Amino acid sequence: MPRRDLPADPLIFAARHGRWVLVGGLVAGVLLPGLAAVLRPFVPQMVALLLFLAALRIGTGVFAGALRALPLTVGVVLAVQLALPLLVIAGARALGLADTPTAIALAIMCAAPSIVGSPNMCLMLGAPPELAMRLLILGTALLPVTVIPVFWFLPQLGAVSEVLIAALRLLAVIALAAGAGFALRRFAWRAPGAVALARLDGVSALVLAVFVVGLMPAVGGALRGDPWVAAYWMATVLVVNFGAQILVHRIMRQRGAGVAVPVALISGNRNIALFLVALPPEVTAPIMVFIGCYQIPMFLTPLVMGWVYGQGGRQNPATG
């Protein structure tokens, strides 16, 4: 039943069905490789737009209690970006698999910071987005520190300097885009109503859907070229992404949805694309299908994991 206090509006419709809007983006990315190729160069601009929309939606409330929550935020970042990839590397070495594409792909994934859309996805899941935004900002800020031991123990990844430059570039984008969103909310849009927030959520859902289309070219090519390889990587990313989210949520759920959902979501959804601009082609070429397939569980998270997180399909209050 449509809510009577929200008028029929395409943006509100997109907000209410945001999870399915993301599914539509995944399908379009696989079935329309030409469109995916056209959108691929605009991914950086869409990253900035997503950050701006998330900051505008959350407002400066993200800073309320940030100092008090700093130990938790730092602890989560160090656990998921430093301890976890080192554990993966140690396990791979013990099994004699450290040089395999699978081990390298998993280590890179675990070393990456949060995806930029994590606050938007928290809103879709009906969970507070503030911690997700803090983890995104701090995780990216600490990446130049946390990534050094990973590259030290995996020298085949190449020089760490390019990754540091890429991380600093992303941090600058976060600062500018999020800062603009916070400033606009603070000084020009201080008390938005339910309809305005719902429309903003709809815009975020649509931008996320277009964003995923631009990340999907490798998946369509793999499905058409070598479906068995694509099937292997697809099984791998589904187990790793959803498995990490389920495990971390079970560990953190006693702390409430405001902590458990964003921490679990980020544990499985990382900004692997950050490394594409830094790692040598001989490292990224064997795992490009992994990176492409990884987008699928990432953007299915709001649809699939809502039941695990106990949201039961419930949307953000502003959108129904």
C-alpha atoms as a PDB file:
ATOM      1  CA  MET A   1       0.000   0.000   0.000  1.00  0.00           C
ATOM      2  CA  PRO A   2       1.466   3.393  -0.913  1.00  0.00           C
ATOM      3  CA  ARG A   3       1.876   5.841   1.924  1.00  0.00           C
ATOM      4  CA  ARG A   4      -0.766   8.570   1.822  1.00  0.00           C
ATOM      5  CA  ASP A   5       1.546  11.241   3.235  1.00  0.00           C
ATOM      6  CA  LEU A   6       3.918  10.858   0.256  1.00  0.00           C
ATOM      7  CA  PRO A   7       2.624  11.795  -3.207  1.00  0.00           C
ATOM      8  CA  ALA A   8       3.068   9.624  -6.288  1.00  0.00           C
ATOM      9  CA  ASP A   9       6.512  10.647  -7.460  1.00  0.00           C
ATOM     10  CA  PRO A  10       9.171   8.823  -9.519  1.00  0.00           C
ATOM     11  CA  LEU A  11      11.912   9.663  -7.031  1.00  0.00           C
ATOM     12  CA  ILE A  12       9.857   8.478  -4.076  1.00  0.00           C
ATOM     13  CA  PHE A  13       9.037   5.312  -6.007  1.00  0.00           C
ATOM     14  CA  ALA A  14      12.787   4.784  -6.596  1.00  0.00           C
ATOM     15  CA  ALA A  15      13.473   5.352  -2.909  1.00  0.00           C
ATOM     16  CA  ARG A  16      10.782   2.923  -1.767  1.00  0.00           C
ATOM     17  CA  HIS A  17      12.082   0.252  -4.157  1.00  0.00           C
ATOM     18  CA  GLY A  18      15.751   1.214  -3.972  1.00  0.00           C
ATOM     19  CA  ARG A  19      16.943  -2.369  -3.532  1.00  0.00           C
ATOM     20  CA  TRP A  20      15.300  -3.414  -6.783  1.00  0.00           C
ATOM     21  CA  VAL A  21      16.635  -0.311  -8.513  1.00  0.00           C
ATOM     22  CA  LEU A  22      20.143  -1.612  -7.738  1.00  0.00           C
ATOM     23  CA  VAL A  23      19.219  -5.023  -9.132  1.00  0.00           C
ATOM     24  CA  GLY A  24      18.126  -3.258 -12.316  1.00  0.00           C
ATOM     25  CA  GLY A  25      21.529  -1.595 -12.506  1.00  0.00           C
ATOM     26  CA  LEU A  26      23.278  -4.966 -12.176  1.00  0.00           C
ATOM     27  CA  VAL A  27      21.159  -6.502 -14.926  1.00  0.00           C
ATOM     28  CA  ALA A  28      21.736  -3.526 -17.222  1.00  0.00           C
ATOM     29  CA  GLY A  29      25.479  -3.693 -16.600  1.00  0.00           C
ATOM     30  CA  VAL A  30      25.639  -7.365 -17.639  1.00  0.00           C
ATOM     31  CA  LEU A  31      23.223  -7.241 -20.580  1.00  0.00           C
ATOM     32  CA  LEU A  32      24.285  -3.861 -21.994  1.00  0.00           C
ATOM     33  CA  PRO A  33      28.089  -3.890 -22.211  1.00  0.00           C
ATOM     34  CA  GLY A  34      28.024  -0.930 -24.598  1.00  0.00           C
ATOM     35  CA  LEU A  35      26.243   1.209 -22.018  1.00  0.00           C
ATOM     36  CA  ALA A  36      28.626  -0.004 -19.318  1.00  0.00           C
ATOM     37  CA  ALA A  37      31.606   1.028 -21.458  1.00  0.00           C
ATOM     38  CA  VAL A  38      30.100   4.491 -22.010  1.00  0.00           C
ATOM     39  CA  LEU A  39      29.520   5.023 -18.276  1.00  0.00           C
ATOM     40  CA  ARG A  40      32.883   3.626 -17.115  1.00  0.00           C
ATOM     41  CA  PRO A  41      34.823   6.920 -17.578  1.00  0.00           C
ATOM     42  CA  PHE A  42      32.287   8.746 -15.385  1.00  0.00           C
ATOM     43  CA  VAL A  43      32.726   6.462 -12.336  1.00  0.00           C
ATOM     44  CA  PRO A  44      34.933   9.011 -10.466  1.00  0.00           C
ATOM     45  CA  GLN A  45      32.298  11.722 -10.881  1.00  0.00           C
ATOM     46  CA  MET A  46      29.597   9.340  -9.653  1.00  0.00           C
ATOM     47  CA  VAL A  47      31.730   8.512  -6.607  1.00  0.00           C
ATOM     48  CA  ALA A  48      31.841  12.205  -5.728  1.00  0.00           C
ATOM     49  CA  LEU A  49      28.091  12.580  -6.304  1.00  0.00           C
ATOM     50  CA  LEU A  50      27.295   9.604  -4.050  1.00  0.00           C
ATOM     51  CA  LEU A  51      29.427  11.074  -1.269  1.00  0.00           C
ATOM     52  CA  PHE A  52      27.755  14.465  -1.669  1.00  0.00           C
ATOM     53  CA  LEU A  53      24.262  12.930  -1.527  1.00  0.00           C
ATOM     54  CA  ALA A  54      25.114  10.809   1.527  1.00  0.00           C
ATOM     55  CA  ALA A  55      26.526  13.818   3.396  1.00  0.00           C
ATOM     56  CA  LEU A  56      23.528  15.936   2.427  1.00  0.00           C
ATOM     57  CA  ARG A  57      21.162  13.205   3.647  1.00  0.00           C
ATOM     58  CA  ILE A  58      22.965  12.553   6.947  1.00  0.00           C
ATOM     59  CA  GLY A  59      23.847  16.133   7.827  1.00  0.00           C
ATOM     60  CA  THR A  60      26.334  17.258  10.439  1.00  0.00           C
ATOM     61  CA  GLY A  61      24.790  14.806  12.897  1.00  0.00           C
ATOM     62  CA  VAL A  62      27.515  12.415  11.725  1.00  0.00           C
ATOM     63  CA  PHE A  63      29.932  14.374  13.932  1.00  0.00           C
ATOM     64  CA  ALA A  64      27.764  14.117  17.037  1.00  0.00           C
ATOM     65  CA  GLY A  65      29.500  11.685  19.366  1.00  0.00           C
ATOM     66  CA  ALA A  66      32.271  11.057  16.819  1.00  0.00           C
ATOM     67  CA  LEU A  67      35.016  11.631  19.398  1.00  0.00           C
ATOM     68  CA  ARG A  68      33.361   9.298  21.878  1.00  0.00           C
ATOM     69  CA  ALA A  69      33.030   6.650  19.154  1.00  0.00           C
ATOM     70  CA  LEU A  70      36.610   7.108  17.905  1.00  0.00           C
ATOM     71  CA  PRO A  71      38.034   4.005  19.681  1.00  0.00           C
ATOM     72  CA  LEU A  72      35.350   1.824  18.094  1.00  0.00           C
ATOM     73  CA  THR A  73      35.850   3.397  14.662  1.00  0.00           C
ATOM     74  CA  VAL A  74      39.632   3.008  14.753  1.00  0.00           C
ATOM     75  CA  GLY A  75      39.342  -0.541  16.094  1.00  0.00           C
ATOM     76  CA  VAL A  76      36.994  -1.598  13.292  1.00  0.00           C
ATOM     77  CA  VAL A  77      39.211  -0.053  10.602  1.00  0.00           C
ATOM     78  CA  LEU A  78      42.340  -1.760  11.943  1.00  0.00           C
ATOM     79  CA  ALA A  79      40.538  -5.085  12.259  1.00  0.00           C
ATOM     80  CA  VAL A  80      39.028  -5.173   8.762  1.00  0.00           C
ATOM     81  CA  GLN A  81      41.771  -3.353   6.792  1.00  0.00           C
ATOM     82  CA  LEU A  82      44.916  -4.565   8.548  1.00  0.00           C
ATOM     83  CA  ALA A  83      44.389  -7.664  10.681  1.00  0.00           C
ATOM     84  CA  LEU A  84      42.074  -9.408   8.222  1.00  0.00           C
ATOM     85  CA  PRO A  85      44.256  -9.130   5.074  1.00  0.00           C
ATOM     86  CA  LEU A  86      47.330 -10.194   7.067  1.00  0.00           C
ATOM     87  CA  LEU A  87      45.370 -13.201   8.314  1.00  0.00           C
ATOM     88  CA  VAL A  88      44.403 -14.058   4.727  1.00  0.00           C
ATOM     89  CA  ILE A  89      48.037 -13.794   3.607  1.00  0.00           C
ATOM     90  CA  ALA A  90      49.256 -15.938   6.506  1.00  0.00           C
ATOM     91  CA  GLY A  91      46.646 -18.600   5.752  1.00  0.00           C
ATOM     92  CA  ALA A  92      47.490 -18.589   2.041  1.00  0.00           C
ATOM     93  CA  ARG A  93      51.197 -18.949   2.791  1.00  0.00           C
ATOM     94  CA  ALA A  94      50.560 -21.827   5.179  1.00  0.00           C
ATOM     95  CA  LEU A  95      48.636 -23.603   2.409  1.00  0.00           C
ATOM     96  CA  GLY A  96      51.217 -22.752  -0.253  1.00  0.00           C
ATOM     97  CA  LEU A  97      48.710 -20.621  -2.171  1.00  0.00           C
ATOM     98  CA  ALA A  98      50.134 -17.134  -1.645  1.00  0.00           C
ATOM     99  CA  ASP A  99      50.873 -16.609  -5.356  1.00  0.00           C
ATOM    100  CA  THR A 100      47.471 -17.749  -6.651  1.00  0.00           C
ATOM    101  CA  PRO A 101      45.028 -15.214  -8.149  1.00  0.00           C
ATOM    102  CA  THR A 102      42.423 -16.176  -5.542  1.00  0.00           C
ATOM    103  CA  ALA A 103      44.706 -15.433  -2.586  1.00  0.00           C
ATOM    104  CA  ILE A 104      45.882 -12.153  -4.121  1.00  0.00           C
ATOM    105  CA  ALA A 105      42.301 -11.107  -4.902  1.00  0.00           C
ATOM    106  CA  LEU A 106      41.127 -11.840  -1.343  1.00  0.00           C
ATOM    107  CA  ALA A 107      44.089 -10.029   0.199  1.00  0.00           C
ATOM    108  CA  ILE A 108      43.466  -6.958  -1.959  1.00  0.00           C
ATOM    109  CA  MET A 109      39.764  -7.006  -1.131  1.00  0.00           C
ATOM    110  CA  CYS A 110      40.407  -7.192   2.617  1.00  0.00           C
ATOM    111  CA  ALA A 111      42.996  -4.404   2.472  1.00  0.00           C
ATOM    112  CA  ALA A 112      40.610  -1.968   0.774  1.00  0.00           C
ATOM    113  CA  PRO A 113      38.529   0.624   2.641  1.00  0.00           C
ATOM    114  CA  SER A 114      34.749   0.829   2.626  1.00  0.00           C
ATOM    115  CA  ILE A 115      32.826   1.347  -0.586  1.00  0.00           C
ATOM    116  CA  VAL A 116      31.683   4.943  -1.043  1.00  0.00           C
ATOM    117  CA  GLY A 117      28.038   3.865  -1.165  1.00  0.00           C
ATOM    118  CA  SER A 118      28.005   2.307   2.317  1.00  0.00           C
ATOM    119  CA  PRO A 119      26.088   5.185   3.990  1.00  0.00           C
ATOM    120  CA  ASN A 120      23.514   5.087   1.150  1.00  0.00           C
ATOM    121  CA  MET A 121      23.127   1.314   1.593  1.00  0.00           C
ATOM    122  CA  CYS A 122      22.680   1.685   5.352  1.00  0.00           C
ATOM    123  CA  LEU A 123      19.776   4.018   4.655  1.00  0.00           C
ATOM    124  CA  MET A 124      18.250   1.417   2.308  1.00  0.00           C
ATOM    125  CA  LEU A 125      18.574  -1.155   5.097  1.00  0.00           C
ATOM    126  CA  GLY A 126      16.867   1.130   7.596  1.00  0.00           C
ATOM    127  CA  ALA A 127      20.042   1.432   9.695  1.00  0.00           C
ATOM    128  CA  PRO A 128      21.683   4.667  10.875  1.00  0.00           C
ATOM    129  CA  PRO A 129      24.318   5.753   8.329  1.00  0.00           C
ATOM    130  CA  GLU A 130      26.534   7.833  10.627  1.00  0.00           C
ATOM    131  CA  LEU A 131      28.988   5.065  11.594  1.00  0.00           C
ATOM    132  CA  ALA A 132      29.250   3.947   7.969  1.00  0.00           C
ATOM    133  CA  MET A 133      30.257   7.483   6.975  1.00  0.00           C
ATOM    134  CA  ARG A 134      32.841   7.651   9.778  1.00  0.00           C
ATOM    135  CA  LEU A 135      34.293   4.267   8.771  1.00  0.00           C
ATOM    136  CA  LEU A 136      34.453   5.374   5.144  1.00  0.00           C
ATOM    137  CA  ILE A 137      36.317   8.584   5.972  1.00  0.00           C
ATOM    138  CA  LEU A 138      38.669   7.130   8.585  1.00  0.00           C
ATOM    139  CA  GLY A 139      39.295   3.919   6.632  1.00  0.00           C
ATOM    140  CA  THR A 140      40.353   5.888   3.581  1.00  0.00           C
ATOM    141  CA  ALA A 141      42.456   8.263   5.705  1.00  0.00           C
ATOM    142  CA  LEU A 142      44.295   5.344   7.352  1.00  0.00           C
ATOM    143  CA  LEU A 143      44.767   3.349   4.139  1.00  0.00           C
ATOM    144  CA  PRO A 144      48.258   4.797   3.505  1.00  0.00           C
ATOM    145  CA  VAL A 145      49.233   3.255   6.880  1.00  0.00           C
ATOM    146  CA  THR A 146      47.286  -0.016   6.867  1.00  0.00           C
ATOM    147  CA  VAL A 147      48.243  -0.965   3.308  1.00  0.00           C
ATOM    148  CA  ILE A 148      52.022  -0.910   3.905  1.00  0.00           C
ATOM    149  CA  PRO A 149      52.236  -4.244   5.815  1.00  0.00           C
ATOM    150  CA  VAL A 150      50.007  -5.899   3.199  1.00  0.00           C
ATOM    151  CA  PHE A 151      52.332  -4.858   0.374  1.00  0.00           C
ATOM    152  CA  TRP A 152      55.336  -5.851   2.484  1.00  0.00           C
ATOM    153  CA  PHE A 153      54.085  -9.424   2.841  1.00  0.00           C
ATOM    154  CA  LEU A 154      52.844  -9.569  -0.778  1.00  0.00           C
ATOM    155  CA  PRO A 155      55.736  -8.033  -2.747  1.00  0.00           C
ATOM    156  CA  GLN A 156      54.210  -9.228  -6.046  1.00  0.00           C
ATOM    157  CA  LEU A 157      51.699  -6.392  -5.688  1.00  0.00           C
ATOM    158  CA  GLY A 158      54.428  -3.942  -6.646  1.00  0.00           C
ATOM    159  CA  ALA A 159      55.343  -0.549  -5.188  1.00  0.00           C
ATOM    160  CA  VAL A 160      53.125   0.823  -2.451  1.00  0.00           C
ATOM    161  CA  SER A 161      53.670   4.459  -3.523  1.00  0.00           C
ATOM    162  CA  GLU A 162      51.015   4.383  -6.255  1.00  0.00           C
ATOM    163  CA  VAL A 163      48.422   3.036  -3.836  1.00  0.00           C
ATOM    164  CA  LEU A 164      49.241   5.790  -1.366  1.00  0.00           C
ATOM    165  CA  ILE A 165      48.747   8.404  -4.095  1.00  0.00           C
ATOM    166  CA  ALA A 166      45.416   6.825  -5.086  1.00  0.00           C
ATOM    167  CA  ALA A 167      44.293   6.737  -1.442  1.00  0.00           C
ATOM    168  CA  LEU A 168      45.179  10.389  -0.925  1.00  0.00           C
ATOM    169  CA  ARG A 169      43.329  11.281  -4.123  1.00  0.00           C
ATOM    170  CA  LEU A 170      40.205   9.460  -2.890  1.00  0.00           C
ATOM    171  CA  LEU A 171      40.511  11.129   0.510  1.00  0.00           C
ATOM    172  CA  ALA A 172      40.571  14.523  -1.206  1.00  0.00           C
ATOM    173  CA  VAL A 173      37.416  13.619  -3.156  1.00  0.00           C
ATOM    174  CA  ILE A 174      35.717  12.529   0.079  1.00  0.00           C
ATOM    175  CA  ALA A 175      36.701  15.747   1.830  1.00  0.00           C
ATOM    176  CA  LEU A 176      35.468  17.997  -0.979  1.00  0.00           C
ATOM    177  CA  ALA A 177      32.257  16.136  -1.880  1.00  0.00           C
ATOM    178  CA  ALA A 178      31.190  15.296   1.664  1.00  0.00           C
ATOM    179  CA  GLY A 179      32.207  18.745   2.891  1.00  0.00           C
ATOM    180  CA  ALA A 180      29.978  20.355   0.267  1.00  0.00           C
ATOM    181  CA  GLY A 181      27.073  18.123   1.281  1.00  0.00           C
ATOM    182  CA  PHE A 182      27.501  18.848   4.995  1.00  0.00           C
ATOM    183  CA  ALA A 183      27.796  22.587   4.338  1.00  0.00           C
ATOM    184  CA  LEU A 184      24.654  22.688   2.201  1.00  0.00           C
ATOM    185  CA  ARG A 185      22.685  20.762   4.826  1.00  0.00           C
ATOM    186  CA  ARG A 186      24.010  22.958   7.642  1.00  0.00           C
ATOM    187  CA  PHE A 187      23.470  26.364   6.083  1.00  0.00           C
ATOM    188  CA  ALA A 188      20.814  26.040   3.361  1.00  0.00           C
ATOM    189  CA  TRP A 189      18.724  22.909   4.054  1.00  0.00           C
ATOM    190  CA  ARG A 190      18.550  22.647   7.816  1.00  0.00           C
ATOM    191  CA  ALA A 191      15.106  21.098   8.284  1.00  0.00           C
ATOM    192  CA  PRO A 192      14.051  19.012   5.254  1.00  0.00           C
ATOM    193  CA  GLY A 193      10.648  17.366   5.390  1.00  0.00           C
ATOM    194  CA  ALA A 194       9.814  13.703   4.872  1.00  0.00           C
ATOM    195  CA  VAL A 195       8.972  14.182   1.183  1.00  0.00           C
ATOM    196  CA  ALA A 196      12.241  16.006   0.470  1.00  0.00           C
ATOM    197  CA  LEU A 197      14.271  13.305   2.229  1.00  0.00           C
ATOM    198  CA  ALA A 198      12.403  10.600   0.357  1.00  0.00           C
ATOM    199  CA  ARG A 199      13.166  12.258  -2.966  1.00  0.00           C
ATOM    200  CA  LEU A 200      16.826  12.562  -2.006  1.00  0.00           C
ATOM    201  CA  ASP A 201      16.874   8.833  -1.200  1.00  0.00           C
ATOM    202  CA  GLY A 202      15.395   8.183  -4.628  1.00  0.00           C
ATOM    203  CA  VAL A 203      18.134  10.207  -6.303  1.00  0.00           C
ATOM    204  CA  SER A 204      20.756   8.244  -4.334  1.00  0.00           C
ATOM    205  CA  ALA A 205      19.243   4.924  -5.416  1.00  0.00           C
ATOM    206  CA  LEU A 206      19.251   5.962  -9.074  1.00  0.00           C
ATOM    207  CA  VAL A 207      22.843   7.219  -8.930  1.00  0.00           C
ATOM    208  CA  LEU A 208      23.928   3.961  -7.271  1.00  0.00           C
ATOM    209  CA  ALA A 209      22.207   1.990 -10.046  1.00  0.00           C
ATOM    210  CA  VAL A 210      23.975   3.990 -12.770  1.00  0.00           C
ATOM    211  CA  PHE A 211      27.237   3.667 -10.832  1.00  0.00           C
ATOM    212  CA  VAL A 212      27.059  -0.133 -10.799  1.00  0.00           C
ATOM    213  CA  VAL A 213      26.434  -0.225 -14.554  1.00  0.00           C
ATOM    214  CA  GLY A 214      29.767   1.541 -15.052  1.00  0.00           C
ATOM    215  CA  LEU A 215      31.551  -1.099 -12.947  1.00  0.00           C
ATOM    216  CA  MET A 216      30.218  -4.173 -14.755  1.00  0.00           C
ATOM    217  CA  PRO A 217      31.952  -4.499 -18.183  1.00  0.00           C
ATOM    218  CA  ALA A 218      34.266  -7.340 -17.082  1.00  0.00           C
ATOM    219  CA  VAL A 219      31.387  -9.528 -15.880  1.00  0.00           C
ATOM    220  CA  GLY A 220      29.480  -9.526 -19.158  1.00  0.00           C
ATOM    221  CA  GLY A 221      32.672 -10.289 -21.081  1.00  0.00           C
ATOM    222  CA  ALA A 222      33.526 -13.197 -18.773  1.00  0.00           C
ATOM    223  CA  LEU A 223      30.045 -14.692 -19.009  1.00  0.00           C
ATOM    224  CA  ARG A 224      30.233 -14.623 -22.792  1.00  0.00           C
ATOM    225  CA  GLY A 225      33.889 -15.696 -23.046  1.00  0.00           C
ATOM    226  CA  ASP A 226      34.511 -18.305 -20.324  1.00  0.00           C
ATOM    227  CA  PRO A 227      31.404 -18.986 -18.236  1.00  0.00           C
ATOM    228  CA  TRP A 228      33.186 -21.585 -16.075  1.00  0.00           C
ATOM    229  CA  VAL A 229      35.793 -19.060 -14.964  1.00  0.00           C
ATOM    230  CA  ALA A 230      33.010 -16.556 -14.325  1.00  0.00           C
ATOM    231  CA  ALA A 231      31.121 -19.191 -12.303  1.00  0.00           C
ATOM    232  CA  TYR A 232      34.196 -19.871 -10.135  1.00  0.00           C
ATOM    233  CA  TRP A 233      34.751 -16.211  -9.360  1.00  0.00           C
ATOM    234  CA  MET A 234      31.040 -15.634  -8.817  1.00  0.00           C
ATOM    235  CA  ALA A 235      30.886 -18.444  -6.248  1.00  0.00           C
ATOM    236  CA  THR A 236      33.995 -17.027  -4.575  1.00  0.00           C
ATOM    237  CA  VAL A 237      32.670 -13.481  -4.232  1.00  0.00           C
ATOM    238  CA  LEU A 238      29.256 -14.630  -3.008  1.00  0.00           C
ATOM    239  CA  VAL A 239      30.791 -16.767  -0.260  1.00  0.00           C
ATOM    240  CA  VAL A 240      33.354 -14.140   0.750  1.00  0.00           C
ATOM    241  CA  ASN A 241      31.080 -11.094   0.665  1.00  0.00           C
ATOM    242  CA  PHE A 242      27.918 -12.510   2.218  1.00  0.00           C
ATOM    243  CA  GLY A 243      29.893 -14.851   4.491  1.00  0.00           C
ATOM    244  CA  ALA A 244      31.896 -11.967   5.964  1.00  0.00           C
ATOM    245  CA  GLN A 245      28.742  -9.915   6.505  1.00  0.00           C
ATOM    246  CA  ILE A 246      26.891 -12.751   8.223  1.00  0.00           C
ATOM    247  CA  LEU A 247      29.833 -13.639  10.480  1.00  0.00           C
ATOM    248  CA  VAL A 248      30.585 -10.063  11.528  1.00  0.00           C
ATOM    249  CA  HIS A 249      26.916  -9.307  12.125  1.00  0.00           C
ATOM    250  CA  ARG A 250      26.617 -12.310  14.428  1.00  0.00           C
ATOM    251  CA  ILE A 251      29.641 -11.055  16.358  1.00  0.00           C
ATOM    252  CA  MET A 252      28.460  -7.433  16.561  1.00  0.00           C
ATOM    253  CA  ARG A 253      24.671  -7.735  16.787  1.00  0.00           C
ATOM    254  CA  GLN A 254      24.581  -7.356  20.573  1.00  0.00           C
ATOM    255  CA  ARG A 255      25.771  -3.773  20.081  1.00  0.00           C
ATOM    256  CA  GLY A 256      22.600  -2.889  18.169  1.00  0.00           C
ATOM    257  CA  ALA A 257      21.795  -2.192  14.527  1.00  0.00           C
ATOM    258  CA  GLY A 258      23.529   1.207  14.627  1.00  0.00           C
ATOM    259  CA  VAL A 259      26.855  -0.601  15.032  1.00  0.00           C
ATOM    260  CA  ALA A 260      26.285  -4.138  13.780  1.00  0.00           C
ATOM    261  CA  VAL A 261      24.801  -3.290  10.367  1.00  0.00           C
ATOM    262  CA  PRO A 262      27.399  -0.747   9.147  1.00  0.00           C
ATOM    263  CA  VAL A 263      30.338  -2.795  10.481  1.00  0.00           C
ATOM    264  CA  ALA A 264      29.018  -6.000   8.898  1.00  0.00           C
ATOM    265  CA  LEU A 265      28.177  -4.242   5.636  1.00  0.00           C
ATOM    266  CA  ILE A 266      31.658  -2.740   5.351  1.00  0.00           C
ATOM    267  CA  SER A 267      33.389  -6.006   6.275  1.00  0.00           C
ATOM    268  CA  GLY A 268      32.124  -7.566   3.045  1.00  0.00           C
ATOM    269  CA  ASN A 269      31.923  -4.537   0.752  1.00  0.00           C
ATOM    270  CA  ARG A 270      35.225  -2.844  -0.071  1.00  0.00           C
ATOM    271  CA  ASN A 271      36.450  -0.308  -2.594  1.00  0.00           C
ATOM    272  CA  ILE A 272      38.641  -2.718  -4.581  1.00  0.00           C
ATOM    273  CA  ALA A 273      38.493  -0.407  -7.596  1.00  0.00           C
ATOM    274  CA  LEU A 274      40.834   1.929  -5.706  1.00  0.00           C
ATOM    275  CA  PHE A 275      43.677  -0.494  -6.422  1.00  0.00           C
ATOM    276  CA  LEU A 276      43.013  -0.645 -10.167  1.00  0.00           C
ATOM    277  CA  VAL A 277      44.734   2.688 -10.690  1.00  0.00           C
ATOM    278  CA  ALA A 278      47.778   1.631  -8.673  1.00  0.00           C
ATOM    279  CA  LEU A 279      48.586  -2.046  -9.187  1.00  0.00           C
ATOM    280  CA  PRO A 280      50.583  -3.220 -12.214  1.00  0.00           C
ATOM    281  CA  PRO A 281      48.580  -4.805 -15.077  1.00  0.00           C
ATOM    282  CA  GLU A 282      50.193  -8.212 -14.548  1.00  0.00           C
ATOM    283  CA  VAL A 283      48.644  -8.274 -11.054  1.00  0.00           C
ATOM    284  CA  THR A 284      45.179  -6.953 -11.928  1.00  0.00           C
ATOM    285  CA  ALA A 285      44.660  -8.840 -15.220  1.00  0.00           C
ATOM    286  CA  PRO A 286      44.113 -12.294 -13.601  1.00  0.00           C
ATOM    287  CA  ILE A 287      41.621 -10.890 -11.080  1.00  0.00           C
ATOM    288  CA  MET A 288      39.594  -8.489 -13.237  1.00  0.00           C
ATOM    289  CA  VAL A 289      36.722 -10.988 -13.406  1.00  0.00           C
ATOM    290  CA  PHE A 290      36.819 -11.233  -9.601  1.00  0.00           C
ATOM    291  CA  ILE A 291      36.576  -7.446  -9.345  1.00  0.00           C
ATOM    292  CA  GLY A 292      33.674  -7.386 -11.803  1.00  0.00           C
ATOM    293  CA  CYS A 293      31.810 -10.268 -10.134  1.00  0.00           C
ATOM    294  CA  TYR A 294      32.395  -8.645  -6.749  1.00  0.00           C
ATOM    295  CA  GLN A 295      30.018  -5.852  -7.712  1.00  0.00           C
ATOM    296  CA  ILE A 296      27.104  -8.306  -7.794  1.00  0.00           C
ATOM    297  CA  PRO A 297      26.914  -9.291  -4.093  1.00  0.00           C
ATOM    298  CA  MET A 298      27.904  -5.728  -3.229  1.00  0.00           C
ATOM    299  CA  PHE A 299      24.860  -4.217  -4.891  1.00  0.00           C
ATOM    300  CA  LEU A 300      22.617  -7.122  -3.900  1.00  0.00           C
ATOM    301  CA  THR A 301      23.437  -6.451  -0.243  1.00  0.00           C
ATOM    302  CA  PRO A 302      20.444  -4.157   0.434  1.00  0.00           C
ATOM    303  CA  LEU A 303      18.097  -6.773  -1.071  1.00  0.00           C
ATOM    304  CA  VAL A 304      19.624  -9.985   0.305  1.00  0.00           C
ATOM    305  CA  MET A 305      21.102  -8.966   3.642  1.00  0.00           C
ATOM    306  CA  GLY A 306      18.117  -7.032   4.970  1.00  0.00           C
ATOM    307  CA  TRP A 307      16.662 -10.308   6.216  1.00  0.00           C
ATOM    308  CA  VAL A 308      19.932 -11.296   7.894  1.00  0.00           C
ATOM    309  CA  TYR A 309      20.227  -7.908   9.557  1.00  0.00           C
ATOM    310  CA  GLY A 310      16.745  -8.247  10.954  1.00  0.00           C
ATOM    311  CA  GLN A 311      15.287  -5.417   8.901  1.00  0.00           C
ATOM    312  CA  GLY A 312      12.838  -7.848   7.272  1.00  0.00           C
ATOM    313  CA  GLY A 313      12.685  -5.843   4.066  1.00  0.00           C
ATOM    314  CA  ARG A 314      11.915  -2.635   5.967  1.00  0.00           C
ATOM    315  CA  GLN A 315      12.997   0.548   4.212  1.00  0.00           C
ATOM    316  CA  ASN A 316      14.388   3.717   5.664  1.00  0.00           C
ATOM    317  CA  PRO A 317      11.620   5.507   7.590  1.00  0.00           C
ATOM    318  CA  ALA A 318      11.770   8.465   5.251  1.00  0.00           C
ATOM    319  CA  THR A 319      10.918   6.294   2.299  1.00  0.00           C
ATOM    320  CA  GLY A 320       8.435   3.868   3.697  1.00  0.00           C
END
